[in-house]
Amino acid sequence: GTLDQSREPHKWLDCFAGGGSLEGHRVIVLSRPDLRLQARYQNFSNIVFRGEVAPGQVDNYLSQCRFAINYQPDKAPFNQQPSAKLLTYVAGRIPVISTDYAWIREFQQQFGGRYFFLNPTLSNFTWENLENFSFEFPVLDQWSFRAQLKRSGVCNFLAEKTGRPELAIIE
């Protein structure tokens, strides 16, 4: 994900730094390098910045993770847009820790799953709370490429515009 300042990554990274609730637990950050943040956390060997990785490498990193963090500030536009990061995590069946915002609540209501929601102060972001939480995964059938293509209506549109009804057939 992005480490843009508008996303406030220092808030959750501080939890892994000295005196933080998750001090001593390792976090791997896959994102475009942010020199300011790297300098701020350079003395904490448990906070590892890997930089951007190719999409095909993400699963290798996720397979090493106990949890995944979906930190989105609860303000527009972040709280209204779909989280590709969250979809990647749940497709890989990695338990998700997330801020509590409109899009993820709607996603949870519609597709299921149970995520650990951080409170605004992050005071509940402790290893004990994470270990004792019952995570669940959503049903993602409607998120397949084929289902998304069918739901978009683009095939019906192309069939109508080209006069080729076979383009509208998606099973």
N, C-alpha and C. Protein backbone atom coordinates (compact mmCIF):
# COMPACT_ATOMS: atom_id res chain seq x y z
N GLY A 1 0.82 -1.20 0.00
CA GLY A 1 0.00 0.00 0.00
C GLY A 1 0.85 1.24 0.00
N THR A 2 0.20 2.35 -0.04
CA THR A 2 0.91 3.62 -0.07
C THR A 2 1.28 4.08 1.34
N LEU A 3 2.40 4.77 1.43
CA LEU A 3 2.83 5.36 2.68
C LEU A 3 2.67 6.87 2.65
N ASP A 4 1.83 7.35 1.75
CA ASP A 4 1.58 8.78 1.62
C ASP A 4 1.17 9.34 2.98
N GLN A 5 1.66 10.53 3.31
CA GLN A 5 1.37 11.15 4.61
C GLN A 5 -0.11 11.28 4.89
N SER A 6 -0.92 11.46 3.83
CA SER A 6 -2.35 11.61 4.03
C SER A 6 -2.99 10.34 4.58
N ARG A 7 -2.31 9.21 4.46
CA ARG A 7 -2.81 7.94 5.00
C ARG A 7 -2.36 7.69 6.44
N GLU A 8 -1.55 8.58 6.96
CA GLU A 8 -1.11 8.54 8.36
C GLU A 8 -0.45 7.22 8.78
N PRO A 9 0.52 6.73 8.01
CA PRO A 9 1.14 5.44 8.35
C PRO A 9 1.92 5.46 9.66
N HIS A 10 2.39 6.64 10.07
CA HIS A 10 3.15 6.72 11.32
C HIS A 10 2.32 6.26 12.52
N LYS A 11 1.01 6.43 12.44
CA LYS A 11 0.16 6.06 13.57
C LYS A 11 0.26 4.57 13.88
N TRP A 12 0.14 3.73 12.85
CA TRP A 12 0.21 2.29 13.11
C TRP A 12 1.66 1.81 13.22
N LEU A 13 2.58 2.45 12.51
CA LEU A 13 3.99 2.06 12.62
C LEU A 13 4.52 2.34 14.03
N ASP A 14 4.04 3.41 14.66
CA ASP A 14 4.46 3.72 16.02
C ASP A 14 4.14 2.59 16.99
N CYS A 15 3.11 1.82 16.70
CA CYS A 15 2.75 0.70 17.56
C CYS A 15 3.84 -0.37 17.59
N PHE A 16 4.65 -0.45 16.54
CA PHE A 16 5.73 -1.44 16.45
C PHE A 16 7.06 -0.87 16.96
N ALA A 17 7.13 0.43 17.17
CA ALA A 17 8.36 1.08 17.61
C ALA A 17 8.50 0.98 19.13
N GLY A 18 9.61 1.49 19.65
CA GLY A 18 9.90 1.44 21.08
C GLY A 18 8.77 1.96 21.94
N GLY A 19 8.31 1.12 22.86
CA GLY A 19 7.24 1.51 23.77
C GLY A 19 5.85 1.31 23.19
N GLY A 20 5.77 0.94 21.92
CA GLY A 20 4.47 0.71 21.29
C GLY A 20 3.87 -0.62 21.72
N SER A 21 2.58 -0.76 21.54
CA SER A 21 1.86 -1.96 21.98
C SER A 21 2.30 -3.24 21.28
N LEU A 22 2.97 -3.12 20.13
CA LEU A 22 3.44 -4.29 19.39
C LEU A 22 4.96 -4.30 19.25
N GLU A 23 5.63 -3.57 20.13
CA GLU A 23 7.09 -3.55 20.12
C GLU A 23 7.60 -4.99 20.21
N GLY A 24 8.55 -5.32 19.38
CA GLY A 24 9.10 -6.67 19.38
C GLY A 24 8.45 -7.60 18.37
N HIS A 25 7.29 -7.22 17.86
CA HIS A 25 6.64 -7.99 16.80
C HIS A 25 7.05 -7.38 15.46
N ARG A 26 7.24 -8.23 14.49
CA ARG A 26 7.77 -7.80 13.20
C ARG A 26 6.66 -7.36 12.25
N VAL A 27 6.92 -6.29 11.52
CA VAL A 27 6.02 -5.84 10.46
C VAL A 27 6.85 -5.64 9.20
N ILE A 28 6.33 -6.13 8.08
CA ILE A 28 6.97 -5.95 6.79
C ILE A 28 6.12 -4.97 5.99
N VAL A 29 6.74 -3.92 5.50
CA VAL A 29 6.03 -2.88 4.76
C VAL A 29 6.44 -2.97 3.29
N LEU A 30 5.45 -3.25 2.43
CA LEU A 30 5.68 -3.32 0.99
C LEU A 30 5.08 -2.07 0.37
N SER A 31 5.93 -1.14 -0.02
CA SER A 31 5.45 0.12 -0.57
C SER A 31 6.61 0.88 -1.20
N ARG A 32 6.24 1.85 -2.02
CA ARG A 32 7.25 2.76 -2.56
C ARG A 32 8.00 3.35 -1.37
N PRO A 33 9.33 3.37 -1.42
CA PRO A 33 10.11 3.87 -0.28
C PRO A 33 9.73 5.29 0.12
N ASP A 34 9.68 5.51 1.41
CA ASP A 34 9.45 6.82 1.98
C ASP A 34 10.62 7.08 2.90
N LEU A 35 11.55 7.90 2.45
CA LEU A 35 12.78 8.12 3.20
C LEU A 35 12.54 8.72 4.58
N ARG A 36 11.51 9.55 4.68
CA ARG A 36 11.18 10.16 5.97
C ARG A 36 10.79 9.09 7.00
N LEU A 37 9.94 8.15 6.57
CA LEU A 37 9.53 7.08 7.48
C LEU A 37 10.67 6.10 7.75
N GLN A 38 11.44 5.80 6.73
CA GLN A 38 12.57 4.88 6.93
C GLN A 38 13.56 5.46 7.95
N ALA A 39 13.80 6.75 7.87
CA ALA A 39 14.70 7.40 8.84
C ALA A 39 14.10 7.36 10.25
N ARG A 40 12.81 7.60 10.33
CA ARG A 40 12.14 7.63 11.64
C ARG A 40 12.21 6.27 12.35
N TYR A 41 12.14 5.18 11.57
CA TYR A 41 12.09 3.84 12.17
C TYR A 41 13.36 3.01 11.94
N GLN A 42 14.44 3.65 11.52
CA GLN A 42 15.65 2.92 11.18
C GLN A 42 16.27 2.15 12.35
N ASN A 43 16.00 2.54 13.57
CA ASN A 43 16.59 1.86 14.72
C ASN A 43 15.74 0.70 15.24
N PHE A 44 14.67 0.38 14.52
CA PHE A 44 13.79 -0.70 14.96
C PHE A 44 13.89 -1.84 13.95
N SER A 45 14.63 -2.88 14.31
CA SER A 45 14.87 -3.99 13.38
C SER A 45 13.61 -4.80 13.08
N ASN A 46 12.57 -4.63 13.88
CA ASN A 46 11.32 -5.35 13.65
C ASN A 46 10.42 -4.64 12.63
N ILE A 47 10.78 -3.43 12.21
CA ILE A 47 10.03 -2.70 11.17
C ILE A 47 10.87 -2.76 9.90
N VAL A 48 10.40 -3.55 8.95
CA VAL A 48 11.18 -3.85 7.75
C VAL A 48 10.51 -3.24 6.53
N PHE A 49 11.21 -2.34 5.87
CA PHE A 49 10.71 -1.73 4.63
C PHE A 49 11.31 -2.49 3.45
N ARG A 50 10.47 -3.09 2.62
CA ARG A 50 10.94 -3.86 1.47
C ARG A 50 10.81 -3.10 0.16
N GLY A 51 10.16 -1.97 0.15
CA GLY A 51 9.96 -1.24 -1.10
C GLY A 51 8.84 -1.88 -1.91
N GLU A 52 8.67 -1.38 -3.11
CA GLU A 52 7.63 -1.94 -3.98
C GLU A 52 8.06 -3.31 -4.47
N VAL A 53 7.10 -4.21 -4.58
CA VAL A 53 7.38 -5.53 -5.13
C VAL A 53 6.41 -5.79 -6.27
N ALA A 54 6.81 -6.64 -7.18
CA ALA A 54 5.96 -7.00 -8.31
C ALA A 54 4.72 -7.73 -7.78
N PRO A 55 3.57 -7.54 -8.44
CA PRO A 55 2.34 -8.22 -7.98
C PRO A 55 2.52 -9.73 -7.77
N GLY A 56 3.31 -10.35 -8.60
CA GLY A 56 3.53 -11.79 -8.47
C GLY A 56 4.32 -12.19 -7.23
N GLN A 57 4.96 -11.24 -6.58
CA GLN A 57 5.75 -11.53 -5.38
C GLN A 57 4.97 -11.31 -4.09
N VAL A 58 3.85 -10.63 -4.18
CA VAL A 58 3.08 -10.30 -2.98
C VAL A 58 2.67 -11.56 -2.22
N ASP A 59 2.22 -12.58 -2.93
CA ASP A 59 1.80 -13.82 -2.25
C ASP A 59 2.93 -14.45 -1.45
N ASN A 60 4.16 -14.34 -1.94
CA ASN A 60 5.30 -14.89 -1.19
C ASN A 60 5.44 -14.21 0.16
N TYR A 61 5.25 -12.90 0.18
CA TYR A 61 5.33 -12.17 1.44
C TYR A 61 4.13 -12.49 2.33
N LEU A 62 2.95 -12.53 1.73
CA LEU A 62 1.75 -12.80 2.53
C LEU A 62 1.80 -14.16 3.20
N SER A 63 2.41 -15.13 2.53
CA SER A 63 2.50 -16.47 3.11
C SER A 63 3.34 -16.49 4.39
N GLN A 64 4.12 -15.45 4.61
CA GLN A 64 4.96 -15.35 5.81
C GLN A 64 4.27 -14.60 6.95
N CYS A 65 3.08 -14.06 6.66
CA CYS A 65 2.41 -13.17 7.61
C CYS A 65 1.37 -13.89 8.46
N ARG A 66 1.29 -13.49 9.71
CA ARG A 66 0.24 -13.97 10.61
C ARG A 66 -1.01 -13.12 10.45
N PHE A 67 -0.82 -11.81 10.21
CA PHE A 67 -1.91 -10.85 10.03
C PHE A 67 -1.54 -9.88 8.92
N ALA A 68 -2.53 -9.20 8.37
CA ALA A 68 -2.30 -8.15 7.38
C ALA A 68 -3.02 -6.89 7.86
N ILE A 69 -2.41 -5.74 7.59
CA ILE A 69 -2.97 -4.46 8.06
C ILE A 69 -3.55 -3.68 6.88
N ASN A 70 -4.81 -3.32 7.02
CA ASN A 70 -5.51 -2.47 6.05
C ASN A 70 -5.82 -1.16 6.76
N TYR A 71 -4.87 -0.24 6.71
CA TYR A 71 -5.04 1.02 7.44
C TYR A 71 -5.47 2.11 6.46
N GLN A 72 -6.72 2.51 6.58
CA GLN A 72 -7.29 3.57 5.75
C GLN A 72 -7.86 4.63 6.69
N PRO A 73 -7.45 5.86 6.57
CA PRO A 73 -8.08 6.90 7.39
C PRO A 73 -9.58 6.96 7.10
N ASP A 74 -10.37 7.16 8.13
CA ASP A 74 -11.82 7.22 7.97
C ASP A 74 -12.23 8.62 7.52
N LYS A 75 -11.80 8.97 6.30
CA LYS A 75 -12.18 10.25 5.70
C LYS A 75 -12.16 10.09 4.19
N ALA A 76 -12.97 10.91 3.53
CA ALA A 76 -13.06 10.84 2.07
C ALA A 76 -11.72 11.24 1.46
N PRO A 77 -11.33 10.64 0.37
CA PRO A 77 -12.03 9.61 -0.39
C PRO A 77 -11.71 8.19 0.08
N PHE A 78 -10.75 8.06 1.04
CA PHE A 78 -10.26 6.74 1.43
C PHE A 78 -11.34 5.82 1.97
N ASN A 79 -12.28 6.37 2.73
CA ASN A 79 -13.29 5.53 3.39
C ASN A 79 -14.42 5.09 2.45
N GLN A 80 -14.40 5.54 1.20
CA GLN A 80 -15.46 5.18 0.26
C GLN A 80 -14.98 4.27 -0.87
N GLN A 81 -13.68 4.18 -1.06
CA GLN A 81 -13.18 3.44 -2.22
C GLN A 81 -12.84 1.99 -1.86
N PRO A 82 -13.07 1.07 -2.81
CA PRO A 82 -12.71 -0.33 -2.57
C PRO A 82 -11.22 -0.47 -2.27
N SER A 83 -10.90 -1.39 -1.40
CA SER A 83 -9.51 -1.62 -1.02
C SER A 83 -8.99 -2.87 -1.73
N ALA A 84 -8.19 -2.65 -2.77
CA ALA A 84 -7.57 -3.78 -3.48
C ALA A 84 -6.68 -4.56 -2.52
N LYS A 85 -6.05 -3.84 -1.61
CA LYS A 85 -5.18 -4.47 -0.62
C LYS A 85 -5.98 -5.46 0.24
N LEU A 86 -7.14 -5.03 0.73
CA LEU A 86 -7.97 -5.91 1.54
C LEU A 86 -8.39 -7.14 0.74
N LEU A 87 -8.79 -6.95 -0.50
CA LEU A 87 -9.20 -8.08 -1.34
C LEU A 87 -8.05 -9.06 -1.53
N THR A 88 -6.85 -8.56 -1.70
CA THR A 88 -5.67 -9.43 -1.82
C THR A 88 -5.46 -10.23 -0.54
N TYR A 89 -5.58 -9.57 0.60
CA TYR A 89 -5.40 -10.25 1.88
C TYR A 89 -6.42 -11.36 2.09
N VAL A 90 -7.69 -11.05 1.88
CA VAL A 90 -8.72 -12.06 2.16
C VAL A 90 -8.69 -13.18 1.12
N ALA A 91 -8.31 -12.87 -0.11
CA ALA A 91 -8.17 -13.94 -1.11
C ALA A 91 -7.06 -14.89 -0.71
N GLY A 92 -6.02 -14.37 -0.05
CA GLY A 92 -4.92 -15.20 0.44
C GLY A 92 -5.19 -15.79 1.82
N ARG A 93 -6.39 -15.52 2.35
CA ARG A 93 -6.82 -16.03 3.65
C ARG A 93 -5.88 -15.62 4.78
N ILE A 94 -5.52 -14.34 4.76
CA ILE A 94 -4.72 -13.75 5.82
C ILE A 94 -5.67 -12.94 6.71
N PRO A 95 -5.69 -13.19 8.01
CA PRO A 95 -6.55 -12.40 8.90
C PRO A 95 -6.25 -10.91 8.79
N VAL A 96 -7.31 -10.10 8.72
CA VAL A 96 -7.16 -8.68 8.45
C VAL A 96 -7.43 -7.82 9.68
N ILE A 97 -6.47 -6.92 9.92
CA ILE A 97 -6.59 -5.86 10.92
C ILE A 97 -6.90 -4.60 10.11
N SER A 98 -7.94 -3.87 10.48
CA SER A 98 -8.33 -2.72 9.66
C SER A 98 -8.87 -1.57 10.49
N THR A 99 -8.73 -0.39 9.94
CA THR A 99 -9.48 0.72 10.49
C THR A 99 -10.95 0.48 10.17
N ASP A 100 -11.80 1.12 10.92
CA ASP A 100 -13.25 0.94 10.78
C ASP A 100 -13.78 2.09 9.92
N TYR A 101 -14.22 1.76 8.71
CA TYR A 101 -14.70 2.80 7.80
C TYR A 101 -15.81 2.26 6.93
N ALA A 102 -16.51 3.14 6.24
CA ALA A 102 -17.73 2.80 5.52
C ALA A 102 -17.56 1.65 4.52
N TRP A 103 -16.57 1.70 3.65
CA TRP A 103 -16.48 0.69 2.59
C TRP A 103 -16.28 -0.70 3.16
N ILE A 104 -15.40 -0.87 4.14
CA ILE A 104 -15.15 -2.21 4.67
C ILE A 104 -16.37 -2.73 5.43
N ARG A 105 -17.11 -1.85 6.09
CA ARG A 105 -18.33 -2.30 6.78
C ARG A 105 -19.37 -2.78 5.76
N GLU A 106 -19.51 -2.06 4.66
CA GLU A 106 -20.44 -2.49 3.61
C GLU A 106 -19.98 -3.80 2.98
N PHE A 107 -18.69 -3.93 2.76
CA PHE A 107 -18.13 -5.16 2.21
C PHE A 107 -18.40 -6.33 3.14
N GLN A 108 -18.16 -6.13 4.42
CA GLN A 108 -18.40 -7.18 5.41
C GLN A 108 -19.87 -7.58 5.46
N GLN A 109 -20.75 -6.60 5.43
CA GLN A 109 -22.17 -6.87 5.47
C GLN A 109 -22.61 -7.66 4.24
N GLN A 110 -22.09 -7.31 3.09
CA GLN A 110 -22.51 -7.95 1.84
C GLN A 110 -21.86 -9.31 1.60
N PHE A 111 -20.58 -9.45 1.96
CA PHE A 111 -19.85 -10.67 1.59
C PHE A 111 -19.39 -11.51 2.78
N GLY A 112 -19.60 -11.01 3.98
CA GLY A 112 -19.20 -11.76 5.16
C GLY A 112 -17.78 -11.46 5.57
N GLY A 113 -17.27 -12.29 6.43
CA GLY A 113 -15.94 -12.08 6.98
C GLY A 113 -16.04 -11.37 8.31
N ARG A 114 -15.00 -11.49 9.08
CA ARG A 114 -14.93 -10.81 10.38
C ARG A 114 -13.51 -10.30 10.52
N TYR A 115 -13.37 -8.99 10.67
CA TYR A 115 -12.08 -8.33 10.71
C TYR A 115 -11.87 -7.66 12.05
N PHE A 116 -10.62 -7.56 12.45
CA PHE A 116 -10.30 -6.87 13.70
C PHE A 116 -10.26 -5.38 13.39
N PHE A 117 -11.24 -4.64 13.93
CA PHE A 117 -11.31 -3.21 13.68
C PHE A 117 -10.56 -2.44 14.76
N LEU A 118 -9.64 -1.61 14.30
CA LEU A 118 -8.89 -0.76 15.21
C LEU A 118 -9.76 0.39 15.70
N ASN A 119 -9.65 0.71 16.96
CA ASN A 119 -10.36 1.90 17.42
C ASN A 119 -9.53 3.13 17.04
N PRO A 120 -10.12 4.31 17.04
CA PRO A 120 -9.42 5.51 16.56
C PRO A 120 -8.08 5.80 17.25
N THR A 121 -7.94 5.44 18.51
CA THR A 121 -6.70 5.71 19.24
C THR A 121 -5.69 4.57 19.11
N LEU A 122 -6.10 3.46 18.49
CA LEU A 122 -5.29 2.24 18.34
C LEU A 122 -4.98 1.57 19.67
N SER A 123 -5.69 1.94 20.72
CA SER A 123 -5.43 1.35 22.03
C SER A 123 -5.78 -0.14 22.09
N ASN A 124 -6.58 -0.62 21.16
CA ASN A 124 -6.90 -2.05 21.13
C ASN A 124 -5.94 -2.85 20.25
N PHE A 125 -4.94 -2.20 19.68
CA PHE A 125 -3.98 -2.83 18.77
C PHE A 125 -2.87 -3.48 19.59
N THR A 126 -3.20 -4.62 20.20
CA THR A 126 -2.25 -5.36 21.02
C THR A 126 -2.19 -6.80 20.52
N TRP A 127 -1.07 -7.45 20.77
CA TRP A 127 -0.90 -8.84 20.35
C TRP A 127 -1.95 -9.74 21.03
N GLU A 128 -2.20 -9.50 22.28
CA GLU A 128 -3.19 -10.31 23.01
C GLU A 128 -4.57 -10.19 22.35
N ASN A 129 -5.00 -8.98 22.02
CA ASN A 129 -6.30 -8.79 21.37
C ASN A 129 -6.35 -9.48 20.01
N LEU A 130 -5.26 -9.39 19.25
CA LEU A 130 -5.22 -10.04 17.93
C LEU A 130 -5.29 -11.56 18.06
N GLU A 131 -4.53 -12.11 18.98
CA GLU A 131 -4.50 -13.55 19.17
C GLU A 131 -5.84 -14.11 19.66
N ASN A 132 -6.59 -13.31 20.39
CA ASN A 132 -7.87 -13.77 20.96
C ASN A 132 -9.07 -13.46 20.08
N PHE A 133 -8.86 -12.84 18.95
CA PHE A 133 -9.96 -12.47 18.06
C PHE A 133 -10.29 -13.61 17.10
N SER A 134 -11.57 -13.81 16.84
CA SER A 134 -12.00 -14.86 15.89
C SER A 134 -12.20 -14.25 14.51
N PHE A 135 -11.18 -14.37 13.68
CA PHE A 135 -11.26 -13.85 12.32
C PHE A 135 -12.07 -14.80 11.46
N GLU A 136 -12.76 -14.26 10.48
CA GLU A 136 -13.49 -15.06 9.48
C GLU A 136 -13.21 -14.46 8.11
N PHE A 137 -13.35 -15.30 7.08
CA PHE A 137 -13.08 -14.84 5.72
C PHE A 137 -14.38 -14.72 4.94
N PRO A 138 -14.44 -13.74 4.04
CA PRO A 138 -15.66 -13.53 3.26
C PRO A 138 -15.77 -14.55 2.13
N VAL A 139 -16.95 -14.60 1.54
CA VAL A 139 -17.17 -15.40 0.34
C VAL A 139 -16.89 -14.47 -0.84
N LEU A 140 -15.94 -14.85 -1.67
CA LEU A 140 -15.48 -13.97 -2.74
C LEU A 140 -15.93 -14.38 -4.13
N ASP A 141 -16.91 -15.27 -4.24
CA ASP A 141 -17.36 -15.73 -5.55
C ASP A 141 -17.72 -14.57 -6.48
N GLN A 142 -18.35 -13.54 -5.95
CA GLN A 142 -18.78 -12.41 -6.78
C GLN A 142 -17.63 -11.49 -7.18
N TRP A 143 -16.43 -11.75 -6.67
CA TRP A 143 -15.27 -10.91 -6.98
C TRP A 143 -14.36 -11.54 -8.03
N SER A 144 -14.75 -12.68 -8.59
CA SER A 144 -13.92 -13.27 -9.65
C SER A 144 -13.96 -12.35 -10.87
N PHE A 145 -12.96 -12.48 -11.72
CA PHE A 145 -12.90 -11.65 -12.92
C PHE A 145 -14.15 -11.86 -13.77
N ARG A 146 -14.55 -13.11 -13.93
CA ARG A 146 -15.72 -13.44 -14.75
C ARG A 146 -16.99 -12.80 -14.17
N ALA A 147 -17.16 -12.89 -12.87
CA ALA A 147 -18.35 -12.30 -12.23
C ALA A 147 -18.35 -10.78 -12.36
N GLN A 148 -17.19 -10.17 -12.19
CA GLN A 148 -17.09 -8.71 -12.32
C GLN A 148 -17.39 -8.27 -13.76
N LEU A 149 -16.88 -9.01 -14.71
CA LEU A 149 -17.12 -8.70 -16.12
C LEU A 149 -18.60 -8.80 -16.45
N LYS A 150 -19.22 -9.88 -15.98
CA LYS A 150 -20.65 -10.07 -16.23
C LYS A 150 -21.48 -8.96 -15.59
N ARG A 151 -21.18 -8.64 -14.34
CA ARG A 151 -21.93 -7.62 -13.61
C ARG A 151 -21.75 -6.23 -14.23
N SER A 152 -20.61 -5.98 -14.85
CA SER A 152 -20.35 -4.67 -15.42
C SER A 152 -21.25 -4.34 -16.59
N GLY A 153 -21.74 -5.37 -17.30
CA GLY A 153 -22.59 -5.14 -18.45
C GLY A 153 -21.81 -4.84 -19.73
N VAL A 154 -20.49 -4.85 -19.66
CA VAL A 154 -19.69 -4.51 -20.83
C VAL A 154 -19.88 -5.51 -21.97
N CYS A 155 -20.08 -6.78 -21.66
CA CYS A 155 -20.27 -7.78 -22.72
C CYS A 155 -21.59 -7.56 -23.44
N ASN A 156 -22.65 -7.27 -22.68
CA ASN A 156 -23.94 -6.97 -23.31
C ASN A 156 -23.83 -5.72 -24.17
N PHE A 157 -23.13 -4.73 -23.67
CA PHE A 157 -22.93 -3.49 -24.42
C PHE A 157 -22.20 -3.77 -25.74
N LEU A 158 -21.14 -4.54 -25.68
CA LEU A 158 -20.38 -4.87 -26.90
C LEU A 158 -21.21 -5.68 -27.88
N ALA A 159 -21.99 -6.63 -27.35
CA ALA A 159 -22.84 -7.44 -28.21
C ALA A 159 -23.85 -6.57 -28.95
N GLU A 160 -24.43 -5.63 -28.21
CA GLU A 160 -25.43 -4.74 -28.81
C GLU A 160 -24.79 -3.81 -29.85
N LYS A 161 -23.66 -3.24 -29.52
CA LYS A 161 -23.01 -2.28 -30.42
C LYS A 161 -22.40 -2.94 -31.66
N THR A 162 -21.98 -4.18 -31.53
CA THR A 162 -21.33 -4.85 -32.67
C THR A 162 -22.27 -5.76 -33.44
N GLY A 163 -23.46 -6.01 -32.86
CA GLY A 163 -24.39 -6.94 -33.52
C GLY A 163 -23.94 -8.39 -33.39
N ARG A 164 -23.10 -8.68 -32.41
CA ARG A 164 -22.60 -10.04 -32.18
C ARG A 164 -23.09 -10.54 -30.82
N PRO A 165 -24.28 -11.19 -30.79
CA PRO A 165 -24.87 -11.62 -29.51
C PRO A 165 -23.99 -12.60 -28.74
N GLU A 166 -23.11 -13.31 -29.40
CA GLU A 166 -22.25 -14.28 -28.69
C GLU A 166 -21.31 -13.60 -27.71
N LEU A 167 -21.07 -12.30 -27.87
CA LEU A 167 -20.20 -11.58 -26.94
C LEU A 167 -20.86 -11.41 -25.57
N ALA A 168 -22.17 -11.50 -25.53
CA ALA A 168 -22.90 -11.31 -24.26
C ALA A 168 -22.95 -12.57 -23.42
N ILE A 169 -22.48 -13.68 -23.92
CA ILE A 169 -22.58 -14.95 -23.20
C ILE A 169 -21.37 -15.13 -22.29
N ILE A 170 -21.64 -15.03 -21.01
CA ILE A 170 -20.62 -15.30 -19.98
C ILE A 170 -21.27 -16.27 -19.01
N GLU A 171 -20.66 -17.38 -18.84
CA GLU A 171 -21.21 -18.39 -17.90
C GLU A 171 -20.65 -18.21 -16.52
